[in-house]
Structures are given as structure tokens and as C-alpha cells.
Amino acid sequence: MLKITKFGGSSVASAEQFKKVKAIVESDDARRFVVVSAAGKRSSADNKITDLLYLVNAHRTYHVDCTPLLEDIKARFVEIRDTLGLSFPVEKHFEEMTEKLPRLSPEFVVSRGEWFTGQLMAEYLGLPFVDAVGVVMFHHDGSLDLERTQSRVRETVMRSGSFVMPGFYGSTIDGDIRLLDRGGGDITGSILAKCLGADMYENWTDVSGFLTADPRIVDKPRPIRRITFDEMRELSYMGASVLHEDAIFPVRDANIPIVIKNTNRPDDPGTIIRETAKAGEDEPLITGIAGKKDFLTVHIEKNHLSGSIGLVRKVLAIFERYNVSIEHIPTGIDSFGVVVNSADVRDSIYAIVSDIQREIQPDQVRVLEGLALISVVGRNMSARPGTSGRVFGVIGEEGINVRMIMQSAQEINIIFGVNNDDFDRAIRVIYDNFVATDESAN
């Protein structure tokens, strides 16, 4: 058995958290490869190291002295080192970084959060430190070079055996640091799992897996024990962010399951994510409910729209011109809507509408604001007739107006729009009528 074990920022935020990580790693011989994020928040009032390093770059851009920031960051790592009785020369490396700071790339500076955390963790666990800069390889266009990465991983394993590696960054063949998206340490662990042909990818964080609904909306929502990759993608995209959604792609191709576990409560079952999961009468109808507020729809009406070839494409090209991402496109016979995040068009919506009127010459264009989208996700829904009717029935009984309805071709989710003001109430109604009743029945 081989497990790739990745610990997020909250799991490595302090010396006490380091101790929990060590206990977890040493409790299972299968945990021979460890990936770490940069030290995260120790409390709600604290700062993530990565955020502080981005702030260092902002100070450099505007020629503001960042010495106090660097001292704060250094102090965090010194505290961890001294509390654990380690010997890594944090001060020496910070002094070297400070001297070279004007010549360092922004990517290099930000990557130091993972680098310092990884160095300390490697010493604490008694494992070799392997710098991701020589292992995770990127093409010059910023895309992952998986073939070269796989070769580097195998060479590293042959040379070092077990190791600790920082997540979130890698390099081009020329040695230039490249960063993954925020939360990209999850992706690093997934890449490593694929390259090593692991049996499991464990992602340790500060929650015991996915929850059926947002605990800020629903009191003590039921945890999700089993979920498919497709379901996870749907919930993550709509705001249930426990794992970076792109982390599934490397392991999915290799049929490696992901397990989300809680560093602070390691005995909790967590959530296991696989390509397929059991479907049957004893499984819940709805796996999870997620959503986001503050969308708007540009609603376009034009007679004989269904026979107008290329009209939708022309409208989408206008949004592309303004670099706006499209969320959904609900359609009718003589009308369709383009749903976008309100923040994405805050400065361009009037220009977009003007271009649509000039280039498409529709009968009417309306902008409908204050829209919230809710996704009801469940692999069992397609096998149980009448699910959509039941969902919208309880929504209607609550007096909530549904402004838009969509369903994926896979039939694992129903997406509908309500007013922002009805968002929380709609989620609670669905949870109470479907998830809570399933739970009480079991």
C-alpha cells in the first residue's frame, strides 16, 4: 500500500500542528511521501504566510519597505523551529533572500512559504527534503509537463526514497519558478500520486471531509462519506471548496481514490472520492447542496431565434471580447440568457449590452440582477423519477420564486436560480425535506 499524504496550510500552521502531522505520518508505514502547503492561519485573526508573501511583492511593486513583513514571516518559522527543537538555519536563508530580493521573481518570493515549511517538516519527520523546483516541471506556456515530471519523480524516488516536498510550485526547464493556482498544493499531491502509481491520495485539512451543505446556512449538516469525482466537481465549482477542483484530474486518470481527512480529528472517517460510488435505495437521494450569490443574466429576445444560425455564437463572442467567463446559457424558442458573475461585468455591462444591441439587433435586451444559483447534486437522482418535481414542489410551497432552471446531461445535478434574498432559505428547505429526512430514516 502506498499513500501520498498532503497537508494543507491549517495543518502546518504551528508547532502544535506539526506534532499532529508527525503522529499521523508515523501511524501508517504507507505514508512515505508527504506534500506540504505554506503555514496557514493559527487563528481567525492570523494571516496565512502565502498572503504575507503576496503582500511583500505588492510592497516591492510600489517601492514600499517590506522589512517588517519579512521579519514577521521569519518569526513564524523561527517559532516553529525553536518550539520543536529543530536546527534548520531560518535566519541565514532569510538574510540571503533579503539581500537578493530586488532580483527575485514574484513567483520565487511567494514559493518560499512552502519551501520553508517543507524544510522544517522534513527535518521534524526525519525525511529528505526534495525541492519541487527540480521535480514538478512546466512548459514555457505555464502548462504542466507531465512526462518530464513523471521522469523527475522516478529519479528522485530512486535517489531519495521517502521524502517531504513543498506543494504549489515547480519550474520550467530553465529553472524559472512557476506557481499553480491558489490551493495548488492539492494539485501537487495529486500529480505525485499519479507519477508514483499510489493506491490512495490523502488530503489532510481542518474539516472532516465534504459536508452536505454549508454549515453557515444549515446547522450541523450531515458529512458526505462517499462521493464521485463528477459530484465533487459540481459541488466544488458551486462553492463547496474543501479540495482544489483541478486536483482530481491526475488521479482520476489513474483511478486513484482521494480521501479528505481532518488533521485535528484523524479518527473521523472523512470523505472518499472515487470515479464511481455505490448507488442504491439505501444511499441518499441528494449527495450535497451548494451555491453562490451575485450573478446576473443578460436576457436576449429575438423573433425566429431558433432559425438564426450563429446568433448565440456572436453574443458569446461579445462577452469573450470583454474577457467575461460564461456560467450558464438557459435557452427558449425566441430567447436565451447569458448568466455571468456580477463582479466580472461590473465595469463593462453597459458596453456589452450596447454591443449586443448594435451587432445582434435583438427585439429586447434585459439585464436581470440579484441572482443566486443553487446546485442540488446526487448520483441517485437520475434513477428516481420525479426528483425535480419534488425539489421544485417544496421550493414553491415555501413561496420562493424560481427564476431559472437547468440540468446537466449527466443528470447528477439540478441548477436553479433564485433571488439573492431567498438563497439561504432555499438551501435550508431542500436540506430539511431531502437530506434530513434521509438521515432520520437511516
Protein backbone atom coordinates (compact mmCIF):
# COMPACT_ATOMS: atom_id res chain seq x y z
CA MET A 1 0.00 0.00 0.00
CA LEU A 2 1.31 3.45 -0.94
CA LYS A 3 -0.37 6.66 0.18
CA ILE A 4 0.57 10.17 -0.91
CA THR A 5 -0.14 12.42 2.06
CA LYS A 6 -0.73 16.14 1.58
CA PHE A 7 -1.17 18.58 4.48
CA GLY A 8 -2.82 21.96 3.94
CA GLY A 9 -1.88 25.28 5.50
CA SER A 10 -4.04 24.87 8.60
CA SER A 11 -2.37 21.51 9.26
CA VAL A 12 1.12 23.07 9.38
CA ALA A 13 0.27 26.46 10.89
CA SER A 14 2.17 25.98 14.16
CA ALA A 15 4.45 23.67 16.10
CA GLU A 16 1.41 22.02 17.67
CA GLN A 17 0.05 21.25 14.22
CA PHE A 18 3.44 19.85 13.17
CA LYS A 19 3.16 17.40 16.07
CA LYS A 20 -0.23 16.22 14.81
CA VAL A 21 1.22 15.73 11.32
CA LYS A 22 4.07 13.63 12.70
CA ALA A 23 1.68 11.41 14.64
CA ILE A 24 -0.41 10.87 11.50
CA VAL A 25 2.56 10.07 9.26
CA GLU A 26 4.21 7.73 11.75
CA SER A 27 0.96 5.85 12.41
CA ASP A 28 1.00 4.26 8.93
CA ASP A 29 4.04 2.92 7.06
CA ALA A 30 2.21 3.56 3.78
CA ARG A 31 2.65 7.32 4.31
CA ARG A 32 6.15 7.64 2.85
CA PHE A 33 5.69 10.74 0.67
CA VAL A 34 4.49 13.99 2.22
CA VAL A 35 3.47 17.22 0.46
CA VAL A 36 3.00 20.42 2.48
CA SER A 37 1.44 23.82 1.89
CA ALA A 38 2.80 27.01 3.43
CA ALA A 39 1.98 27.59 7.09
CA GLY A 40 -1.59 28.89 7.33
CA LYS A 41 -3.61 30.74 9.93
CA ARG A 42 -3.21 29.81 13.60
CA SER A 43 -6.47 31.60 14.41
CA SER A 44 -9.14 33.61 12.62
CA ALA A 45 -7.22 36.81 13.37
CA ASP A 46 -3.96 35.45 11.96
CA ASN A 47 -2.51 35.67 8.44
CA LYS A 48 -1.53 32.95 6.00
CA ILE A 49 2.17 33.01 5.14
CA THR A 50 1.29 32.96 1.43
CA ASP A 51 -0.88 36.08 1.83
CA LEU A 52 2.01 37.86 3.58
CA LEU A 53 4.38 36.92 0.76
CA TYR A 54 1.98 38.26 -1.85
CA LEU A 55 1.91 41.44 0.24
CA VAL A 56 5.72 41.54 0.13
CA ASN A 57 5.51 41.53 -3.66
CA ALA A 58 2.95 44.35 -3.57
CA HIS A 59 5.28 46.40 -1.37
CA ARG A 60 8.11 45.80 -3.84
CA THR A 61 5.94 46.89 -6.76
CA TYR A 62 5.12 50.21 -5.09
CA HIS A 63 8.60 50.68 -3.59
CA VAL A 64 7.40 50.38 -0.01
CA ASP A 65 9.72 48.96 2.65
CA CYS A 66 8.75 45.33 3.30
CA THR A 67 11.30 44.64 6.04
CA PRO A 68 8.67 44.46 8.84
CA LEU A 69 6.67 41.94 6.80
CA LEU A 70 9.70 39.75 6.20
CA GLU A 71 10.53 39.89 9.90
CA ASP A 72 7.01 38.73 10.79
CA ILE A 73 7.25 35.84 8.32
CA LYS A 74 10.68 34.85 9.61
CA ALA A 75 9.44 34.95 13.20
CA ARG A 76 6.67 32.43 12.37
CA PHE A 77 9.20 29.90 11.08
CA VAL A 78 11.67 30.58 13.88
CA GLU A 79 8.93 29.94 16.43
CA ILE A 80 8.06 26.58 14.86
CA ARG A 81 11.73 25.59 14.66
CA ASP A 82 12.60 26.57 18.22
CA THR A 83 9.47 25.04 19.76
CA LEU A 84 10.22 21.72 18.07
CA GLY A 85 13.96 21.86 18.81
CA LEU A 86 15.00 21.82 15.14
CA SER A 87 18.21 23.18 13.69
CA PHE A 88 17.30 24.49 10.22
CA PRO A 89 19.00 27.93 9.75
CA VAL A 90 15.88 30.03 9.07
CA GLU A 91 17.67 33.34 9.77
CA LYS A 92 20.51 32.58 7.34
CA HIS A 93 18.16 31.80 4.46
CA PHE A 94 16.01 34.86 5.17
CA GLU A 95 19.10 37.05 5.16
CA GLU A 96 20.13 35.61 1.79
CA MET A 97 16.62 36.15 0.41
CA THR A 98 16.50 39.73 1.68
CA GLU A 99 19.83 40.56 0.02
CA LYS A 100 18.66 39.16 -3.31
CA LEU A 101 15.08 40.48 -3.04
CA PRO A 102 15.33 43.15 -5.77
CA ARG A 103 16.42 40.49 -8.26
CA LEU A 104 13.98 37.74 -7.27
CA SER A 105 10.86 36.99 -9.30
CA PRO A 106 7.45 37.40 -7.62
CA GLU A 107 6.89 33.66 -8.10
CA PHE A 108 10.10 32.81 -6.27
CA VAL A 109 9.15 35.04 -3.33
CA VAL A 110 5.68 33.52 -2.96
CA SER A 111 7.04 29.97 -3.21
CA ARG A 112 9.20 30.48 -0.10
CA GLY A 113 6.23 29.85 2.16
CA GLU A 114 6.04 26.22 1.03
CA TRP A 115 9.85 25.96 0.84
CA PHE A 116 10.49 26.97 4.46
CA THR A 117 7.55 24.91 5.73
CA GLY A 118 8.80 21.89 3.79
CA GLN A 119 12.35 22.25 5.12
CA LEU A 120 11.14 22.33 8.72
CA MET A 121 8.73 19.45 8.21
CA ALA A 122 11.39 17.29 6.55
CA GLU A 123 13.76 17.74 9.48
CA TYR A 124 10.98 17.11 12.00
CA LEU A 125 9.87 13.89 10.28
CA GLY A 126 13.45 12.75 9.67
CA LEU A 127 12.87 12.53 5.91
CA PRO A 128 14.84 14.01 3.00
CA PHE A 129 13.66 17.37 1.66
CA VAL A 130 13.02 17.41 -2.09
CA ASP A 131 12.51 20.81 -3.69
CA ALA A 132 9.59 20.86 -6.13
CA VAL A 133 11.63 23.16 -8.36
CA GLY A 134 13.53 20.15 -9.67
CA VAL A 135 10.58 17.77 -9.84
CA VAL A 136 7.33 19.47 -10.91
CA MET A 137 8.08 20.69 -14.42
CA PHE A 138 6.18 23.22 -16.54
CA HIS A 139 6.22 24.09 -20.21
CA HIS A 140 7.09 27.69 -21.01
CA ASP A 141 3.39 28.45 -21.61
CA GLY A 142 2.67 27.59 -17.96
CA SER A 143 1.08 24.18 -18.56
CA LEU A 144 2.29 21.14 -16.67
CA ASP A 145 4.89 18.96 -18.40
CA LEU A 146 3.61 15.66 -17.02
CA GLU A 147 6.00 13.46 -18.96
CA ARG A 148 9.09 15.26 -17.68
CA THR A 149 7.59 15.50 -14.18
CA GLN A 150 6.99 11.75 -14.10
CA SER A 151 10.59 11.11 -15.11
CA ARG A 152 11.90 13.51 -12.43
CA VAL A 153 9.71 11.93 -9.75
CA ARG A 154 11.01 8.44 -10.51
CA GLU A 155 14.63 9.66 -10.50
CA THR A 156 14.03 11.39 -7.16
CA VAL A 157 12.47 8.30 -5.59
CA MET A 158 15.39 6.14 -6.69
CA ARG A 159 17.81 8.67 -5.17
CA SER A 160 15.96 9.70 -2.01
CA GLY A 161 13.34 7.09 -1.23
CA SER A 162 10.72 8.68 1.02
CA PHE A 163 10.66 12.48 1.15
CA VAL A 164 8.87 15.71 2.02
CA MET A 165 8.13 18.04 -0.90
CA PRO A 166 6.56 21.53 -0.92
CA GLY A 167 3.42 21.97 -2.98
CA PHE A 168 2.11 24.89 -5.07
CA TYR A 169 5.14 25.46 -7.32
CA GLY A 170 7.58 23.93 -9.77
CA SER A 171 9.79 25.25 -12.54
CA THR A 172 10.42 25.38 -16.26
CA ILE A 173 13.34 23.52 -17.80
CA ASP A 174 15.28 26.80 -17.50
CA GLY A 175 14.77 26.84 -13.73
CA ASP A 176 12.22 29.68 -13.60
CA ILE A 177 9.73 29.22 -10.75
CA ARG A 178 6.11 28.69 -11.80
CA LEU A 179 3.16 28.72 -9.41
CA LEU A 180 -0.02 26.68 -9.58
CA ASP A 181 -3.38 28.29 -8.76
CA ARG A 182 -4.05 29.25 -5.13
CA GLY A 183 -4.66 26.00 -3.31
CA GLY A 184 -2.37 24.34 -5.83
CA GLY A 185 -0.67 22.23 -3.19
CA ASP A 186 -3.65 19.89 -3.61
CA ILE A 187 -2.70 19.56 -7.27
CA THR A 188 0.95 18.83 -6.42
CA GLY A 189 -0.10 15.94 -4.22
CA SER A 190 -2.36 14.63 -6.96
CA ILE A 191 0.45 14.81 -9.53
CA LEU A 192 2.79 12.95 -7.20
CA ALA A 193 0.15 10.26 -6.59
CA LYS A 194 -0.24 9.70 -10.32
CA CYS A 195 3.51 9.64 -11.01
CA LEU A 196 4.11 7.07 -8.26
CA GLY A 197 1.05 4.95 -9.01
CA ALA A 198 -0.19 5.39 -5.44
CA ASP A 199 -3.05 3.35 -4.01
CA MET A 200 -4.56 6.41 -2.33
CA TYR A 201 -4.15 10.19 -2.16
CA GLU A 202 -4.85 11.58 1.32
CA ASN A 203 -5.59 15.27 1.61
CA TRP A 204 -5.44 16.47 5.22
CA THR A 205 -7.13 19.72 6.14
CA ASP A 206 -9.14 21.24 9.01
CA VAL A 207 -12.52 19.67 8.19
CA SER A 208 -13.63 16.04 8.20
CA GLY A 209 -14.41 15.91 4.50
CA PHE A 210 -17.25 17.38 2.48
CA LEU A 211 -20.49 18.39 4.16
CA THR A 212 -23.94 18.06 2.61
CA ALA A 213 -24.49 21.82 2.93
CA ASP A 214 -22.76 24.96 4.13
CA PRO A 215 -22.67 24.89 7.97
CA ARG A 216 -23.13 28.66 7.97
CA ILE A 217 -26.59 28.07 6.49
CA VAL A 218 -27.60 24.64 7.79
CA ASP A 219 -26.99 23.69 11.42
CA LYS A 220 -24.68 20.66 11.69
CA PRO A 221 -25.11 19.36 8.12
CA ARG A 222 -24.51 15.68 7.51
CA PRO A 223 -20.99 14.72 6.36
CA ILE A 224 -20.61 13.08 2.96
CA ARG A 225 -18.88 9.71 3.30
CA ARG A 226 -18.71 8.73 -0.39
CA ILE A 227 -18.78 10.95 -3.45
CA THR A 228 -17.85 10.63 -7.12
CA PHE A 229 -15.36 12.81 -8.95
CA ASP A 230 -18.20 14.30 -11.03
CA GLU A 231 -20.25 15.14 -7.94
CA MET A 232 -17.22 16.68 -6.26
CA ARG A 233 -16.55 18.87 -9.31
CA GLU A 234 -20.12 20.13 -9.30
CA LEU A 235 -20.11 20.96 -5.58
CA SER A 236 -16.61 22.49 -5.63
CA TYR A 237 -17.46 24.74 -8.56
CA MET A 238 -20.52 26.00 -6.73
CA GLY A 239 -18.60 26.90 -3.61
CA ALA A 240 -18.05 23.74 -1.53
CA SER A 241 -14.29 24.28 -1.52
CA VAL A 242 -12.56 21.61 0.54
CA LEU A 243 -10.27 20.42 -2.27
CA HIS A 244 -8.94 22.32 -5.28
CA GLU A 245 -11.22 21.12 -8.09
CA ASP A 246 -8.30 20.59 -10.52
CA ALA A 247 -6.68 18.14 -8.11
CA ILE A 248 -8.94 15.35 -9.32
CA PHE A 249 -7.65 15.18 -12.90
CA PRO A 250 -4.26 13.45 -12.42
CA VAL A 251 -5.60 10.83 -10.00
CA ARG A 252 -8.85 10.31 -11.86
CA ASP A 253 -6.97 9.22 -14.97
CA ALA A 254 -5.07 6.69 -12.84
CA ASN A 255 -8.18 5.54 -10.90
CA ILE A 256 -6.64 6.59 -7.57
CA PRO A 257 -9.17 7.49 -4.84
CA ILE A 258 -8.84 10.71 -2.84
CA VAL A 259 -9.61 10.79 0.88
CA ILE A 260 -10.29 14.09 2.66
CA LYS A 261 -9.27 13.87 6.33
CA ASN A 262 -9.13 16.18 9.34
CA THR A 263 -5.68 16.71 10.87
CA ASN A 264 -7.31 17.77 14.14
CA ARG A 265 -9.61 14.74 14.23
CA PRO A 266 -7.70 12.00 12.43
CA ASP A 267 -10.07 9.22 13.54
CA ASP A 268 -13.05 10.79 11.75
CA PRO A 269 -13.95 8.79 8.60
CA GLY A 270 -13.64 11.76 6.25
CA THR A 271 -14.83 11.70 2.63
CA ILE A 272 -13.64 9.28 -0.03
CA ILE A 273 -13.81 10.42 -3.67
CA ARG A 274 -13.84 7.82 -6.46
CA GLU A 275 -14.77 7.53 -10.10
CA THR A 276 -17.91 5.65 -9.13
CA ALA A 277 -19.74 5.22 -5.85
CA LYS A 278 -22.47 2.88 -4.69
CA ALA A 279 -25.92 3.75 -5.93
CA GLY A 280 -28.99 2.15 -4.46
CA GLU A 281 -32.11 2.51 -2.39
CA ASP A 282 -30.12 2.74 0.84
CA GLU A 283 -27.98 5.59 -0.48
CA PRO A 284 -29.13 9.22 -0.06
CA LEU A 285 -31.02 10.78 -2.93
CA ILE A 286 -29.06 14.01 -2.65
CA THR A 287 -25.31 13.99 -2.09
CA GLY A 288 -24.88 17.69 -1.48
CA ILE A 289 -26.26 21.19 -1.92
CA ALA A 290 -24.08 24.18 -2.81
CA GLY A 291 -24.48 27.58 -4.38
CA LYS A 292 -23.28 31.13 -4.85
CA LYS A 293 -24.85 34.57 -4.87
CA ASP A 294 -24.47 37.67 -7.02
CA PHE A 295 -24.98 36.61 -10.61
CA LEU A 296 -26.82 38.45 -13.34
CA THR A 297 -28.46 37.38 -16.57
CA VAL A 298 -28.37 39.24 -19.86
CA HIS A 299 -31.69 38.13 -21.36
CA ILE A 300 -31.97 38.45 -25.15
CA GLU A 301 -35.22 38.14 -27.12
CA LYS A 302 -35.42 37.92 -30.90
CA ASN A 303 -38.22 36.55 -33.10
CA HIS A 304 -37.30 33.37 -35.01
CA LEU A 305 -34.21 32.95 -32.84
CA SER A 306 -34.23 29.17 -33.32
CA GLY A 307 -33.68 29.66 -37.06
CA SER A 308 -30.98 32.33 -36.72
CA ILE A 309 -27.73 30.49 -37.36
CA GLY A 310 -24.72 31.77 -35.43
CA LEU A 311 -26.58 34.35 -33.32
CA VAL A 312 -25.73 32.78 -29.97
CA ARG A 313 -22.10 32.45 -31.04
CA LYS A 314 -21.99 36.17 -31.89
CA VAL A 315 -23.35 37.09 -28.48
CA LEU A 316 -20.82 34.88 -26.71
CA ALA A 317 -18.05 36.45 -28.79
CA ILE A 318 -19.04 39.84 -27.38
CA PHE A 319 -18.62 38.54 -23.82
CA GLU A 320 -15.30 36.99 -24.81
CA ARG A 321 -14.18 40.36 -26.15
CA TYR A 322 -14.60 41.77 -22.64
CA ASN A 323 -12.86 38.74 -21.07
CA VAL A 324 -16.01 37.62 -19.25
CA SER A 325 -16.49 33.96 -18.31
CA ILE A 326 -19.94 32.47 -19.01
CA GLU A 327 -21.60 30.46 -16.22
CA HIS A 328 -24.75 29.17 -17.94
CA ILE A 329 -26.87 29.74 -21.07
CA PRO A 330 -30.56 28.94 -20.43
CA THR A 331 -32.49 28.96 -23.72
CA GLY A 332 -36.03 29.24 -25.08
CA ILE A 333 -37.54 29.28 -28.58
CA ASP A 334 -37.19 33.00 -29.19
CA SER A 335 -34.94 33.96 -26.28
CA PHE A 336 -31.88 32.96 -24.30
CA GLY A 337 -29.96 34.22 -21.32
CA VAL A 338 -26.27 34.57 -20.57
CA VAL A 339 -25.54 34.11 -16.87
CA VAL A 340 -22.34 35.72 -15.57
CA ASN A 341 -20.82 36.64 -12.25
CA SER A 342 -21.87 40.21 -11.46
CA ALA A 343 -18.35 41.15 -10.37
CA ASP A 344 -16.97 40.14 -13.78
CA VAL A 345 -19.08 42.72 -15.63
CA ARG A 346 -19.18 45.49 -13.05
CA ASP A 347 -17.28 47.88 -15.34
CA SER A 348 -18.40 46.55 -18.71
CA ILE A 349 -22.09 45.58 -18.60
CA TYR A 350 -23.34 48.73 -20.36
CA ALA A 351 -20.74 48.36 -23.09
CA ILE A 352 -21.68 44.69 -23.54
CA VAL A 353 -25.39 45.47 -23.84
CA SER A 354 -24.63 48.27 -26.30
CA ASP A 355 -22.56 45.92 -28.47
CA ILE A 356 -25.32 43.28 -28.40
CA GLN A 357 -27.91 45.84 -29.49
CA ARG A 358 -25.70 47.12 -32.29
CA GLU A 359 -24.39 43.79 -33.62
CA ILE A 360 -27.35 41.44 -33.00
CA GLN A 361 -30.27 43.89 -33.25
CA PRO A 362 -32.47 41.91 -30.84
CA ASP A 363 -36.10 42.75 -30.14
CA GLN A 364 -35.23 43.25 -26.47
CA VAL A 365 -32.27 43.04 -24.09
CA ARG A 366 -32.81 42.96 -20.33
CA VAL A 367 -30.31 42.75 -17.50
CA LEU A 368 -31.66 40.79 -14.52
CA GLU A 369 -29.57 41.24 -11.39
CA GLY A 370 -29.51 39.84 -7.85
CA LEU A 371 -29.49 36.20 -8.93
CA ALA A 372 -28.24 33.33 -6.74
CA LEU A 373 -27.51 29.89 -8.20
CA ILE A 374 -28.09 26.68 -6.24
CA SER A 375 -26.89 23.23 -7.34
CA VAL A 376 -28.57 20.12 -5.97
CA VAL A 377 -26.17 17.23 -6.65
CA GLY A 378 -26.79 13.49 -6.40
CA ARG A 379 -25.75 10.44 -8.39
CA ASN A 380 -29.03 8.73 -7.43
CA MET A 381 -31.36 11.43 -8.76
CA SER A 382 -31.48 10.12 -12.34
CA ALA A 383 -32.68 6.71 -11.15
CA ARG A 384 -35.56 8.06 -9.06
CA PRO A 385 -38.38 9.54 -11.16
CA GLY A 386 -39.97 12.76 -10.02
CA THR A 387 -36.95 14.15 -8.18
CA SER A 388 -37.04 17.51 -9.98
CA GLY A 389 -40.75 17.84 -9.34
CA ARG A 390 -40.29 17.16 -5.65
CA VAL A 391 -37.44 19.69 -5.38
CA PHE A 392 -39.40 22.47 -7.02
CA GLY A 393 -42.55 21.45 -5.19
CA VAL A 394 -41.03 22.13 -1.76
CA ILE A 395 -39.44 25.34 -3.05
CA GLY A 396 -42.83 26.51 -4.31
CA GLU A 397 -44.58 25.60 -1.09
CA GLU A 398 -42.12 27.83 0.74
CA GLY A 399 -43.13 30.74 -1.54
CA ILE A 400 -39.70 31.02 -3.19
CA ASN A 401 -39.70 32.19 -6.79
CA VAL A 402 -37.51 30.13 -9.15
CA ARG A 403 -36.07 32.42 -11.82
CA MET A 404 -34.15 29.88 -13.88
CA ILE A 405 -33.76 26.07 -14.18
CA MET A 406 -31.01 23.96 -15.77
CA GLN A 407 -29.97 20.30 -15.58
CA SER A 408 -26.75 18.64 -16.74
CA ALA A 409 -26.74 15.94 -19.41
CA GLN A 410 -25.36 13.52 -16.79
CA GLU A 411 -28.48 14.15 -14.69
CA ILE A 412 -26.43 14.26 -11.48
CA ASN A 413 -27.39 17.84 -10.67
CA ILE A 414 -30.20 20.37 -10.90
CA ILE A 415 -29.19 24.03 -11.02
CA PHE A 416 -31.75 26.74 -10.43
CA GLY A 417 -31.71 30.44 -9.77
CA VAL A 418 -33.48 32.36 -7.01
CA ASN A 419 -33.26 35.90 -5.71
CA ASN A 420 -30.23 36.60 -3.53
CA ASP A 421 -32.55 37.21 -0.58
CA ASP A 422 -34.03 33.70 -0.90
CA PHE A 423 -30.68 31.88 -1.16
CA ASP A 424 -30.23 30.66 2.43
CA ARG A 425 -33.91 29.80 2.84
CA ALA A 426 -33.95 27.73 -0.36
CA ILE A 427 -30.95 25.67 0.73
CA ARG A 428 -32.47 25.02 4.16
CA VAL A 429 -35.78 23.95 2.60
CA ILE A 430 -34.08 21.40 0.33
CA TYR A 431 -31.89 20.12 3.15
CA ASP A 432 -34.79 19.72 5.56
CA ASN A 433 -37.01 17.95 3.01
CA PHE A 434 -34.44 15.64 1.42
CA VAL A 435 -31.20 15.27 3.38
CA ALA A 436 -32.54 15.48 6.94
CA THR A 437 -35.39 13.08 6.15
CA ASP A 438 -32.95 10.60 4.58
CA GLU A 439 -30.79 10.83 7.69
CA SER A 440 -33.67 10.25 10.10
CA ALA A 441 -34.85 7.28 8.02
CA ASN A 442 -31.42 5.66 8.37
